[in-house]
Amino acid sequence: MSSRMLPEEFADLERFAEQWSLATERQRYTARLASSMPELQELYDAAVPRMADALAYLDQFELDDLPEDARNLMRLFFSVVNASFPVEAWKQPRVPDSGAAYLDLVDEPVI
């Protein structure tokens, strides 16, 4: 049995899957805060060039019928989006000048 989490076409991103293919926004945000900028940059640099490929791959499925490896791919790219602001703008995992403020989702999409 394979321990692969992502579709074979995205084997180059497999090293990120366990840490970043997370089911909830809270988990993704927590992972971002626990990561260093080099870790976020590594994820970003590896995944952003594959984003169009990932979207094309995921578009072949209905959202309710995603195979588990495709669902993990989608969740990985949710984490990439979460990491993009720190990488592109803030240069730190936390939102600048936010102090102890925290936004918590009350409800999120079921996927």
PDB file of N, CA and C in Angstrom:
ATOM      1  N   MET A   1       0.842  -1.190   0.000  1.00  0.00           N
ATOM      2  CA  MET A   1       0.000   0.000   0.000  1.00  0.00           C
ATOM      3  C   MET A   1       0.879   1.241   0.000  1.00  0.00           C
ATOM      4  N   SER A   2       0.499   2.211  -0.807  1.00  0.00           N
ATOM      5  CA  SER A   2       1.276   3.442  -0.936  1.00  0.00           C
ATOM      6  C   SER A   2       0.942   4.420   0.188  1.00  0.00           C
ATOM      7  N   SER A   3       1.963   5.139   0.619  1.00  0.00           N
ATOM      8  CA  SER A   3       1.730   6.167   1.635  1.00  0.00           C
ATOM      9  C   SER A   3       1.598   7.531   0.973  1.00  0.00           C
ATOM     10  N   ARG A   4       1.461   7.523  -0.337  1.00  0.00           N
ATOM     11  CA  ARG A   4       1.344   8.761  -1.102  1.00  0.00           C
ATOM     12  C   ARG A   4       0.037   9.472  -0.751  1.00  0.00           C
ATOM     13  N   MET A   5       0.110  10.769  -0.515  1.00  0.00           N
ATOM     14  CA  MET A   5      -1.072  11.561  -0.179  1.00  0.00           C
ATOM     15  C   MET A   5      -1.614  12.333  -1.377  1.00  0.00           C
ATOM     16  N   LEU A   6      -0.755  12.627  -2.358  1.00  0.00           N
ATOM     17  CA  LEU A   6      -1.125  13.453  -3.504  1.00  0.00           C
ATOM     18  C   LEU A   6      -1.203  12.609  -4.773  1.00  0.00           C
ATOM     19  N   PRO A   7      -1.909  13.095  -5.789  1.00  0.00           N
ATOM     20  CA  PRO A   7      -1.910  12.389  -7.069  1.00  0.00           C
ATOM     21  C   PRO A   7      -0.485  12.252  -7.610  1.00  0.00           C
ATOM     22  N   GLU A   8      -0.250  11.189  -8.322  1.00  0.00           N
ATOM     23  CA  GLU A   8       1.087  10.890  -8.840  1.00  0.00           C
ATOM     24  C   GLU A   8       1.670  12.056  -9.643  1.00  0.00           C
ATOM     25  N   GLU A   9       0.815  12.782 -10.353  1.00  0.00           N
ATOM     26  CA  GLU A   9       1.261  13.913 -11.167  1.00  0.00           C
ATOM     27  C   GLU A   9       1.903  15.026 -10.332  1.00  0.00           C
ATOM     28  N   PHE A  10       1.693  14.976  -9.033  1.00  0.00           N
ATOM     29  CA  PHE A  10       2.215  16.009  -8.135  1.00  0.00           C
ATOM     30  C   PHE A  10       3.185  15.418  -7.117  1.00  0.00           C
ATOM     31  N   ALA A  11       3.894  14.387  -7.528  1.00  0.00           N
ATOM     32  CA  ALA A  11       4.872  13.732  -6.653  1.00  0.00           C
ATOM     33  C   ALA A  11       5.945  14.708  -6.177  1.00  0.00           C
ATOM     34  N   ASP A  12       6.240  15.731  -6.988  1.00  0.00           N
ATOM     35  CA  ASP A  12       7.249  16.719  -6.591  1.00  0.00           C
ATOM     36  C   ASP A  12       6.824  17.536  -5.380  1.00  0.00           C
ATOM     37  N   LEU A  13       5.533  17.542  -5.069  1.00  0.00           N
ATOM     38  CA  LEU A  13       5.021  18.294  -3.913  1.00  0.00           C
ATOM     39  C   LEU A  13       4.712  17.388  -2.716  1.00  0.00           C
ATOM     40  N   GLU A  14       4.924  16.111  -2.888  1.00  0.00           N
ATOM     41  CA  GLU A  14       4.583  15.144  -1.843  1.00  0.00           C
ATOM     42  C   GLU A  14       5.265  15.466  -0.516  1.00  0.00           C
ATOM     43  N   ARG A  15       6.470  15.998  -0.565  1.00  0.00           N
ATOM     44  CA  ARG A  15       7.202  16.278   0.686  1.00  0.00           C
ATOM     45  C   ARG A  15       6.488  17.311   1.560  1.00  0.00           C
ATOM     46  N   PHE A  16       5.570  18.073   0.987  1.00  0.00           N
ATOM     47  CA  PHE A  16       4.823  19.078   1.739  1.00  0.00           C
ATOM     48  C   PHE A  16       3.467  18.570   2.231  1.00  0.00           C
ATOM     49  N   ALA A  17       3.017  17.449   1.707  1.00  0.00           N
ATOM     50  CA  ALA A  17       1.635  17.016   1.920  1.00  0.00           C
ATOM     51  C   ALA A  17       1.287  16.768   3.386  1.00  0.00           C
ATOM     52  N   GLU A  18       2.123  16.054   4.095  1.00  0.00           N
ATOM     53  CA  GLU A  18       1.775  15.724   5.484  1.00  0.00           C
ATOM     54  C   GLU A  18       1.641  16.978   6.348  1.00  0.00           C
ATOM     55  N   GLN A  19       2.528  17.920   6.160  1.00  0.00           N
ATOM     56  CA  GLN A  19       2.519  19.135   6.974  1.00  0.00           C
ATOM     57  C   GLN A  19       1.448  20.136   6.539  1.00  0.00           C
ATOM     58  N   TRP A  20       1.128  20.177   5.239  1.00  0.00           N
ATOM     59  CA  TRP A  20       0.310  21.269   4.728  1.00  0.00           C
ATOM     60  C   TRP A  20      -1.051  20.884   4.152  1.00  0.00           C
ATOM     61  N   SER A  21      -1.335  19.611   3.939  1.00  0.00           N
ATOM     62  CA  SER A  21      -2.655  19.203   3.420  1.00  0.00           C
ATOM     63  C   SER A  21      -3.611  19.057   4.596  1.00  0.00           C
ATOM     64  N   LEU A  22      -3.991  20.175   5.139  1.00  0.00           N
ATOM     65  CA  LEU A  22      -4.756  20.223   6.384  1.00  0.00           C
ATOM     66  C   LEU A  22      -6.224  20.551   6.106  1.00  0.00           C
ATOM     67  N   ALA A  23      -7.108  19.934   6.876  1.00  0.00           N
ATOM     68  CA  ALA A  23      -8.542  19.989   6.605  1.00  0.00           C
ATOM     69  C   ALA A  23      -9.202  21.321   6.923  1.00  0.00           C
ATOM     70  N   THR A  24      -8.680  22.074   7.880  1.00  0.00           N
ATOM     71  CA  THR A  24      -9.385  23.291   8.286  1.00  0.00           C
ATOM     72  C   THR A  24      -8.488  24.523   8.171  1.00  0.00           C
ATOM     73  N   GLU A  25      -9.129  25.656   8.067  1.00  0.00           N
ATOM     74  CA  GLU A  25      -8.398  26.919   8.018  1.00  0.00           C
ATOM     75  C   GLU A  25      -7.618  27.128   9.310  1.00  0.00           C
ATOM     76  N   ARG A  26      -8.206  26.766  10.420  1.00  0.00           N
ATOM     77  CA  ARG A  26      -7.525  26.913  11.713  1.00  0.00           C
ATOM     78  C   ARG A  26      -6.225  26.114  11.735  1.00  0.00           C
ATOM     79  N   GLN A  27      -6.266  24.882  11.238  1.00  0.00           N
ATOM     80  CA  GLN A  27      -5.054  24.065  11.178  1.00  0.00           C
ATOM     81  C   GLN A  27      -4.009  24.695  10.254  1.00  0.00           C
ATOM     82  N   ARG A  28      -4.449  25.215   9.118  1.00  0.00           N
ATOM     83  CA  ARG A  28      -3.513  25.836   8.174  1.00  0.00           C
ATOM     84  C   ARG A  28      -2.900  27.093   8.767  1.00  0.00           C
ATOM     85  N   TYR A  29      -3.707  27.890   9.442  1.00  0.00           N
ATOM     86  CA  TYR A  29      -3.200  29.118  10.051  1.00  0.00           C
ATOM     87  C   TYR A  29      -2.219  28.795  11.184  1.00  0.00           C
ATOM     88  N   THR A  30      -2.558  27.800  11.984  1.00  0.00           N
ATOM     89  CA  THR A  30      -1.671  27.375  13.071  1.00  0.00           C
ATOM     90  C   THR A  30      -0.345  26.876  12.510  1.00  0.00           C
ATOM     91  N   ALA A  31      -0.394  26.102  11.439  1.00  0.00           N
ATOM     92  CA  ALA A  31       0.832  25.603  10.802  1.00  0.00           C
ATOM     93  C   ALA A  31       1.669  26.761  10.265  1.00  0.00           C
ATOM     94  N   ARG A  32       1.002  27.756   9.692  1.00  0.00           N
ATOM     95  CA  ARG A  32       1.725  28.926   9.199  1.00  0.00           C
ATOM     96  C   ARG A  32       2.444  29.642  10.330  1.00  0.00           C
ATOM     97  N   LEU A  33       1.756  29.869  11.436  1.00  0.00           N
ATOM     98  CA  LEU A  33       2.365  30.569  12.568  1.00  0.00           C
ATOM     99  C   LEU A  33       3.522  29.774  13.171  1.00  0.00           C
ATOM    100  N   ALA A  34       3.451  28.463  13.087  1.00  0.00           N
ATOM    101  CA  ALA A  34       4.500  27.616  13.647  1.00  0.00           C
ATOM    102  C   ALA A  34       5.688  27.441  12.698  1.00  0.00           C
ATOM    103  N   SER A  35       5.578  27.978  11.499  1.00  0.00           N
ATOM    104  CA  SER A  35       6.621  27.802  10.488  1.00  0.00           C
ATOM    105  C   SER A  35       7.549  29.000  10.431  1.00  0.00           C
ATOM    106  N   SER A  36       8.755  28.722   9.987  1.00  0.00           N
ATOM    107  CA  SER A  36       9.719  29.804   9.762  1.00  0.00           C
ATOM    108  C   SER A  36       9.507  30.366   8.355  1.00  0.00           C
ATOM    109  N   MET A  37      10.052  31.535   8.123  1.00  0.00           N
ATOM    110  CA  MET A  37       9.960  32.105   6.783  1.00  0.00           C
ATOM    111  C   MET A  37      10.665  31.230   5.742  1.00  0.00           C
ATOM    112  N   PRO A  38      11.819  30.632   6.035  1.00  0.00           N
ATOM    113  CA  PRO A  38      12.406  29.719   5.040  1.00  0.00           C
ATOM    114  C   PRO A  38      11.484  28.542   4.695  1.00  0.00           C
ATOM    115  N   GLU A  39      10.753  28.017   5.680  1.00  0.00           N
ATOM    116  CA  GLU A  39       9.818  26.927   5.401  1.00  0.00           C
ATOM    117  C   GLU A  39       8.664  27.400   4.525  1.00  0.00           C
ATOM    118  N   LEU A  40       8.121  28.563   4.829  1.00  0.00           N
ATOM    119  CA  LEU A  40       7.037  29.111   4.017  1.00  0.00           C
ATOM    120  C   LEU A  40       7.516  29.428   2.608  1.00  0.00           C
ATOM    121  N   GLN A  41       8.707  29.960   2.508  1.00  0.00           N
ATOM    122  CA  GLN A  41       9.269  30.290   1.196  1.00  0.00           C
ATOM    123  C   GLN A  41       9.479  29.024   0.362  1.00  0.00           C
ATOM    124  N   GLU A  42       9.948  27.956   0.996  1.00  0.00           N
ATOM    125  CA  GLU A  42      10.168  26.692   0.286  1.00  0.00           C
ATOM    126  C   GLU A  42       8.849  26.137  -0.271  1.00  0.00           C
ATOM    127  N   LEU A  43       7.801  26.141   0.549  1.00  0.00           N
ATOM    128  CA  LEU A  43       6.483  25.709   0.093  1.00  0.00           C
ATOM    129  C   LEU A  43       6.022  26.570  -1.073  1.00  0.00           C
ATOM    130  N   TYR A  44       6.094  27.855  -0.910  1.00  0.00           N
ATOM    131  CA  TYR A  44       5.651  28.807  -1.927  1.00  0.00           C
ATOM    132  C   TYR A  44       6.413  28.596  -3.238  1.00  0.00           C
ATOM    133  N   ASP A  45       7.731  28.519  -3.158  1.00  0.00           N
ATOM    134  CA  ASP A  45       8.555  28.393  -4.364  1.00  0.00           C
ATOM    135  C   ASP A  45       8.289  27.091  -5.110  1.00  0.00           C
ATOM    136  N   ALA A  46       8.006  26.033  -4.384  1.00  0.00           N
ATOM    137  CA  ALA A  46       7.742  24.743  -5.023  1.00  0.00           C
ATOM    138  C   ALA A  46       6.333  24.666  -5.606  1.00  0.00           C
ATOM    139  N   ALA A  47       5.357  25.241  -4.915  1.00  0.00           N
ATOM    140  CA  ALA A  47       3.958  25.037  -5.289  1.00  0.00           C
ATOM    141  C   ALA A  47       3.401  26.068  -6.262  1.00  0.00           C
ATOM    142  N   VAL A  48       3.790  27.315  -6.142  1.00  0.00           N
ATOM    143  CA  VAL A  48       3.195  28.350  -6.995  1.00  0.00           C
ATOM    144  C   VAL A  48       3.367  28.040  -8.484  1.00  0.00           C
ATOM    145  N   PRO A  49       4.527  27.582  -8.935  1.00  0.00           N
ATOM    146  CA  PRO A  49       4.644  27.249 -10.357  1.00  0.00           C
ATOM    147  C   PRO A  49       3.739  26.089 -10.798  1.00  0.00           C
ATOM    148  N   ARG A  50       3.241  25.308  -9.857  1.00  0.00           N
ATOM    149  CA  ARG A  50       2.365  24.167 -10.174  1.00  0.00           C
ATOM    150  C   ARG A  50       0.887  24.493  -9.993  1.00  0.00           C
ATOM    151  N   MET A  51       0.569  25.741  -9.624  1.00  0.00           N
ATOM    152  CA  MET A  51      -0.816  26.081  -9.304  1.00  0.00           C
ATOM    153  C   MET A  51      -1.758  25.876 -10.492  1.00  0.00           C
ATOM    154  N   ALA A  52      -1.380  26.330 -11.672  1.00  0.00           N
ATOM    155  CA  ALA A  52      -2.246  26.149 -12.842  1.00  0.00           C
ATOM    156  C   ALA A  52      -2.463  24.663 -13.129  1.00  0.00           C
ATOM    157  N   ASP A  53      -1.415  23.870 -12.984  1.00  0.00           N
ATOM    158  CA  ASP A  53      -1.544  22.423 -13.187  1.00  0.00           C
ATOM    159  C   ASP A  53      -2.501  21.824 -12.160  1.00  0.00           C
ATOM    160  N   ALA A  54      -2.395  22.259 -10.926  1.00  0.00           N
ATOM    161  CA  ALA A  54      -3.267  21.740  -9.873  1.00  0.00           C
ATOM    162  C   ALA A  54      -4.723  22.115 -10.135  1.00  0.00           C
ATOM    163  N   LEU A  55      -4.954  23.357 -10.530  1.00  0.00           N
ATOM    164  CA  LEU A  55      -6.330  23.782 -10.826  1.00  0.00           C
ATOM    165  C   LEU A  55      -6.911  22.982 -11.986  1.00  0.00           C
ATOM    166  N   ALA A  56      -6.116  22.774 -13.029  1.00  0.00           N
ATOM    167  CA  ALA A  56      -6.587  21.983 -14.174  1.00  0.00           C
ATOM    168  C   ALA A  56      -6.887  20.545 -13.741  1.00  0.00           C
ATOM    169  N   TYR A  57      -6.038  19.974 -12.911  1.00  0.00           N
ATOM    170  CA  TYR A  57      -6.256  18.617 -12.430  1.00  0.00           C
ATOM    171  C   TYR A  57      -7.543  18.540 -11.602  1.00  0.00           C
ATOM    172  N   LEU A  58      -7.712  19.468 -10.685  1.00  0.00           N
ATOM    173  CA  LEU A  58      -8.881  19.443  -9.803  1.00  0.00           C
ATOM    174  C   LEU A  58     -10.181  19.724 -10.549  1.00  0.00           C
ATOM    175  N   ASP A  59     -10.108  20.495 -11.623  1.00  0.00           N
ATOM    176  CA  ASP A  59     -11.313  20.834 -12.391  1.00  0.00           C
ATOM    177  C   ASP A  59     -11.960  19.626 -13.054  1.00  0.00           C
ATOM    178  N   GLN A  60     -11.254  18.512 -13.145  1.00  0.00           N
ATOM    179  CA  GLN A  60     -11.854  17.333 -13.780  1.00  0.00           C
ATOM    180  C   GLN A  60     -12.832  16.608 -12.851  1.00  0.00           C
ATOM    181  N   PHE A  61     -12.892  17.023 -11.592  1.00  0.00           N
ATOM    182  CA  PHE A  61     -13.754  16.378 -10.600  1.00  0.00           C
ATOM    183  C   PHE A  61     -14.829  17.343 -10.115  1.00  0.00           C
ATOM    184  N   GLU A  62     -15.952  16.775  -9.698  1.00  0.00           N
ATOM    185  CA  GLU A  62     -16.948  17.535  -8.962  1.00  0.00           C
ATOM    186  C   GLU A  62     -16.436  17.650  -7.526  1.00  0.00           C
ATOM    187  N   LEU A  63     -16.685  18.772  -6.890  1.00  0.00           N
ATOM    188  CA  LEU A  63     -16.185  18.996  -5.535  1.00  0.00           C
ATOM    189  C   LEU A  63     -16.621  17.889  -4.573  1.00  0.00           C
ATOM    190  N   ASP A  64     -17.856  17.450  -4.678  1.00  0.00           N
ATOM    191  CA  ASP A  64     -18.365  16.410  -3.775  1.00  0.00           C
ATOM    192  C   ASP A  64     -17.802  15.030  -4.066  1.00  0.00           C
ATOM    193  N   ASP A  65     -17.140  14.872  -5.218  1.00  0.00           N
ATOM    194  CA  ASP A  65     -16.626  13.556  -5.616  1.00  0.00           C
ATOM    195  C   ASP A  65     -15.109  13.519  -5.726  1.00  0.00           C
ATOM    196  N   LEU A  66     -14.431  14.412  -5.032  1.00  0.00           N
ATOM    197  CA  LEU A  66     -12.969  14.420  -5.093  1.00  0.00           C
ATOM    198  C   LEU A  66     -12.396  13.156  -4.471  1.00  0.00           C
ATOM    199  N   PRO A  67     -11.510  12.468  -5.195  1.00  0.00           N
ATOM    200  CA  PRO A  67     -10.782  11.369  -4.551  1.00  0.00           C
ATOM    201  C   PRO A  67      -9.915  11.946  -3.422  1.00  0.00           C
ATOM    202  N   GLU A  68      -9.540  11.109  -2.475  1.00  0.00           N
ATOM    203  CA  GLU A  68      -8.790  11.594  -1.314  1.00  0.00           C
ATOM    204  C   GLU A  68      -7.482  12.276  -1.707  1.00  0.00           C
ATOM    205  N   ASP A  69      -6.757  11.741  -2.697  1.00  0.00           N
ATOM    206  CA  ASP A  69      -5.496  12.378  -3.087  1.00  0.00           C
ATOM    207  C   ASP A  69      -5.727  13.750  -3.718  1.00  0.00           C
ATOM    208  N   ALA A  70      -6.823  13.906  -4.450  1.00  0.00           N
ATOM    209  CA  ALA A  70      -7.161  15.208  -5.025  1.00  0.00           C
ATOM    210  C   ALA A  70      -7.597  16.185  -3.925  1.00  0.00           C
ATOM    211  N   ARG A  71      -8.335  15.689  -2.945  1.00  0.00           N
ATOM    212  CA  ARG A  71      -8.736  16.531  -1.808  1.00  0.00           C
ATOM    213  C   ARG A  71      -7.497  17.027  -1.057  1.00  0.00           C
ATOM    214  N   ASN A  72      -6.516  16.156  -0.882  1.00  0.00           N
ATOM    215  CA  ASN A  72      -5.268  16.564  -0.234  1.00  0.00           C
ATOM    216  C   ASN A  72      -4.529  17.614  -1.068  1.00  0.00           C
ATOM    217  N   LEU A  73      -4.558  17.458  -2.384  1.00  0.00           N
ATOM    218  CA  LEU A  73      -3.935  18.453  -3.264  1.00  0.00           C
ATOM    219  C   LEU A  73      -4.616  19.808  -3.100  1.00  0.00           C
ATOM    220  N   MET A  74      -5.932  19.810  -3.089  1.00  0.00           N
ATOM    221  CA  MET A  74      -6.680  21.048  -2.914  1.00  0.00           C
ATOM    222  C   MET A  74      -6.326  21.693  -1.570  1.00  0.00           C
ATOM    223  N   ARG A  75      -6.275  20.900  -0.535  1.00  0.00           N
ATOM    224  CA  ARG A  75      -5.940  21.429   0.793  1.00  0.00           C
ATOM    225  C   ARG A  75      -4.505  21.954   0.849  1.00  0.00           C
ATOM    226  N   LEU A  76      -3.604  21.289   0.153  1.00  0.00           N
ATOM    227  CA  LEU A  76      -2.228  21.777   0.076  1.00  0.00           C
ATOM    228  C   LEU A  76      -2.201  23.174  -0.535  1.00  0.00           C
ATOM    229  N   PHE A  77      -2.967  23.367  -1.604  1.00  0.00           N
ATOM    230  CA  PHE A  77      -2.973  24.682  -2.243  1.00  0.00           C
ATOM    231  C   PHE A  77      -3.731  25.725  -1.422  1.00  0.00           C
ATOM    232  N   PHE A  78      -4.671  25.313  -0.593  1.00  0.00           N
ATOM    233  CA  PHE A  78      -5.247  26.253   0.377  1.00  0.00           C
ATOM    234  C   PHE A  78      -4.136  26.775   1.291  1.00  0.00           C
ATOM    235  N   SER A  79      -3.233  25.892   1.696  1.00  0.00           N
ATOM    236  CA  SER A  79      -2.110  26.297   2.542  1.00  0.00           C
ATOM    237  C   SER A  79      -1.145  27.206   1.797  1.00  0.00           C
ATOM    238  N   VAL A  80      -0.957  26.958   0.516  1.00  0.00           N
ATOM    239  CA  VAL A  80      -0.097  27.833  -0.290  1.00  0.00           C
ATOM    240  C   VAL A  80      -0.674  29.248  -0.305  1.00  0.00           C
ATOM    241  N   VAL A  81      -1.973  29.357  -0.479  1.00  0.00           N
ATOM    242  CA  VAL A  81      -2.617  30.678  -0.447  1.00  0.00           C
ATOM    243  C   VAL A  81      -2.398  31.315   0.921  1.00  0.00           C
ATOM    244  N   ASN A  82      -2.544  30.521   1.982  1.00  0.00           N
ATOM    245  CA  ASN A  82      -2.338  31.007   3.345  1.00  0.00           C
ATOM    246  C   ASN A  82      -0.907  31.501   3.546  1.00  0.00           C
ATOM    247  N   ALA A  83       0.050  30.854   2.891  1.00  0.00           N
ATOM    248  CA  ALA A  83       1.459  31.244   3.010  1.00  0.00           C
ATOM    249  C   ALA A  83       1.837  32.394   2.090  1.00  0.00           C
ATOM    250  N   SER A  84       1.011  32.691   1.116  1.00  0.00           N
ATOM    251  CA  SER A  84       1.397  33.687   0.116  1.00  0.00           C
ATOM    252  C   SER A  84       1.524  35.097   0.692  1.00  0.00           C
ATOM    253  N   PHE A  85       0.665  35.488   1.597  1.00  0.00           N
ATOM    254  CA  PHE A  85       0.765  36.828   2.176  1.00  0.00           C
ATOM    255  C   PHE A  85       2.057  37.019   2.959  1.00  0.00           C
ATOM    256  N   PRO A  86       2.420  36.080   3.838  1.00  0.00           N
ATOM    257  CA  PRO A  86       3.705  36.227   4.527  1.00  0.00           C
ATOM    258  C   PRO A  86       4.887  36.287   3.563  1.00  0.00           C
ATOM    259  N   VAL A  87       4.855  35.482   2.523  1.00  0.00           N
ATOM    260  CA  VAL A  87       5.978  35.443   1.584  1.00  0.00           C
ATOM    261  C   VAL A  87       6.021  36.698   0.717  1.00  0.00           C
ATOM    262  N   GLU A  88       4.889  37.073   0.156  1.00  0.00           N
ATOM    263  CA  GLU A  88       4.863  38.166  -0.817  1.00  0.00           C
ATOM    264  C   GLU A  88       4.863  39.552  -0.183  1.00  0.00           C
ATOM    265  N   ALA A  89       4.274  39.688   0.983  1.00  0.00           N
ATOM    266  CA  ALA A  89       4.069  41.031   1.523  1.00  0.00           C
ATOM    267  C   ALA A  89       4.693  41.263   2.893  1.00  0.00           C
ATOM    268  N   TRP A  90       4.415  40.392   3.844  1.00  0.00           N
ATOM    269  CA  TRP A  90       4.746  40.700   5.233  1.00  0.00           C
ATOM    270  C   TRP A  90       6.150  40.311   5.652  1.00  0.00           C
ATOM    271  N   LYS A  91       6.722  39.291   5.009  1.00  0.00           N
ATOM    272  CA  LYS A  91       8.059  38.776   5.356  1.00  0.00           C
ATOM    273  C   LYS A  91       8.114  38.239   6.777  1.00  0.00           C
ATOM    274  N   GLN A  92       6.976  37.792   7.267  1.00  0.00           N
ATOM    275  CA  GLN A  92       6.862  37.166   8.588  1.00  0.00           C
ATOM    276  C   GLN A  92       5.567  36.357   8.609  1.00  0.00           C
ATOM    277  N   PRO A  93       5.500  35.278   9.378  1.00  0.00           N
ATOM    278  CA  PRO A  93       4.306  34.425   9.400  1.00  0.00           C
ATOM    279  C   PRO A  93       3.058  35.113   9.960  1.00  0.00           C
ATOM    280  N   ARG A  94       3.261  36.039  10.898  1.00  0.00           N
ATOM    281  CA  ARG A  94       2.118  36.723  11.533  1.00  0.00           C
ATOM    282  C   ARG A  94       1.697  37.948  10.730  1.00  0.00           C
ATOM    283  N   VAL A  95       0.449  38.340  10.913  1.00  0.00           N
ATOM    284  CA  VAL A  95      -0.032  39.579  10.317  1.00  0.00           C
ATOM    285  C   VAL A  95       0.648  40.735  11.040  1.00  0.00           C
ATOM    286  N   PRO A  96       1.318  41.628  10.315  1.00  0.00           N
ATOM    287  CA  PRO A  96       2.025  42.736  10.984  1.00  0.00           C
ATOM    288  C   PRO A  96       1.084  43.632  11.791  1.00  0.00           C
ATOM    289  N   ASP A  97       1.584  44.138  12.873  1.00  0.00           N
ATOM    290  CA  ASP A  97       0.873  45.104  13.708  1.00  0.00           C
ATOM    291  C   ASP A  97      -0.496  44.616  14.182  1.00  0.00           C
ATOM    292  N   SER A  98      -0.619  43.305  14.363  1.00  0.00           N
ATOM    293  CA  SER A  98      -1.914  42.771  14.806  1.00  0.00           C
ATOM    294  C   SER A  98      -1.919  42.421  16.286  1.00  0.00           C
ATOM    295  N   GLY A  99      -0.778  42.527  16.945  1.00  0.00           N
ATOM    296  CA  GLY A  99      -0.708  42.237  18.367  1.00  0.00           C
ATOM    297  C   GLY A  99      -1.245  40.860  18.682  1.00  0.00           C
ATOM    298  N   ALA A 100      -2.108  40.783  19.658  1.00  0.00           N
ATOM    299  CA  ALA A 100      -2.683  39.504  20.069  1.00  0.00           C
ATOM    300  C   ALA A 100      -4.006  39.216  19.367  1.00  0.00           C
ATOM    301  N   ALA A 101      -4.392  40.066  18.418  1.00  0.00           N
ATOM    302  CA  ALA A 101      -5.669  39.876  17.715  1.00  0.00           C
ATOM    303  C   ALA A 101      -5.670  38.555  16.962  1.00  0.00           C
ATOM    304  N   TYR A 102      -6.830  37.934  16.898  1.00  0.00           N
ATOM    305  CA  TYR A 102      -6.969  36.656  16.213  1.00  0.00           C
ATOM    306  C   TYR A 102      -8.385  36.561  15.654  1.00  0.00           C
ATOM    307  N   LEU A 103      -8.494  36.153  14.418  1.00  0.00           N
ATOM    308  CA  LEU A 103      -9.790  35.948  13.781  1.00  0.00           C
ATOM    309  C   LEU A 103     -10.052  34.455  13.731  1.00  0.00           C
ATOM    310  N   ASP A 104     -11.157  34.028  14.265  1.00  0.00           N
ATOM    311  CA  ASP A 104     -11.486  32.612  14.279  1.00  0.00           C
ATOM    312  C   ASP A 104     -12.758  32.404  13.482  1.00  0.00           C
ATOM    313  N   LEU A 105     -12.725  31.478  12.518  1.00  0.00           N
ATOM    314  CA  LEU A 105     -13.916  31.170  11.743  1.00  0.00           C
ATOM    315  C   LEU A 105     -14.939  30.449  12.615  1.00  0.00           C
ATOM    316  N   VAL A 106     -16.178  30.863  12.492  1.00  0.00           N
ATOM    317  CA  VAL A 106     -17.247  30.208  13.216  1.00  0.00           C
ATOM    318  C   VAL A 106     -17.693  28.969  12.457  1.00  0.00           C
ATOM    319  N   ASP A 107     -17.664  29.071  11.139  1.00  0.00           N
ATOM    320  CA  ASP A 107     -18.078  27.976  10.284  1.00  0.00           C
ATOM    321  C   ASP A 107     -17.225  28.023   9.039  1.00  0.00           C
ATOM    322  N   GLU A 108     -16.972  26.898   8.442  1.00  0.00           N
ATOM    323  CA  GLU A 108     -16.227  26.897   7.197  1.00  0.00           C
ATOM    324  C   GLU A 108     -16.815  25.856   6.268  1.00  0.00           C
ATOM    325  N   PRO A 109     -16.496  25.954   4.986  1.00  0.00           N
ATOM    326  CA  PRO A 109     -17.085  25.014   4.022  1.00  0.00           C
ATOM    327  C   PRO A 109     -16.727  23.580   4.359  1.00  0.00           C
ATOM    328  N   VAL A 110     -17.625  22.702   4.055  1.00  0.00           N
ATOM    329  CA  VAL A 110     -17.390  21.280   4.240  1.00  0.00           C
ATOM    330  C   VAL A 110     -16.831  20.741   2.940  1.00  0.00           C
ATOM    331  N   ILE A 111     -15.589  20.261   2.991  1.00  0.00           N
ATOM    332  CA  ILE A 111     -14.967  19.707   1.784  1.00  0.00           C
ATOM    333  C   ILE A 111     -14.239  18.432   2.107  1.00  0.00           C
TER     334      ILE A 111
END
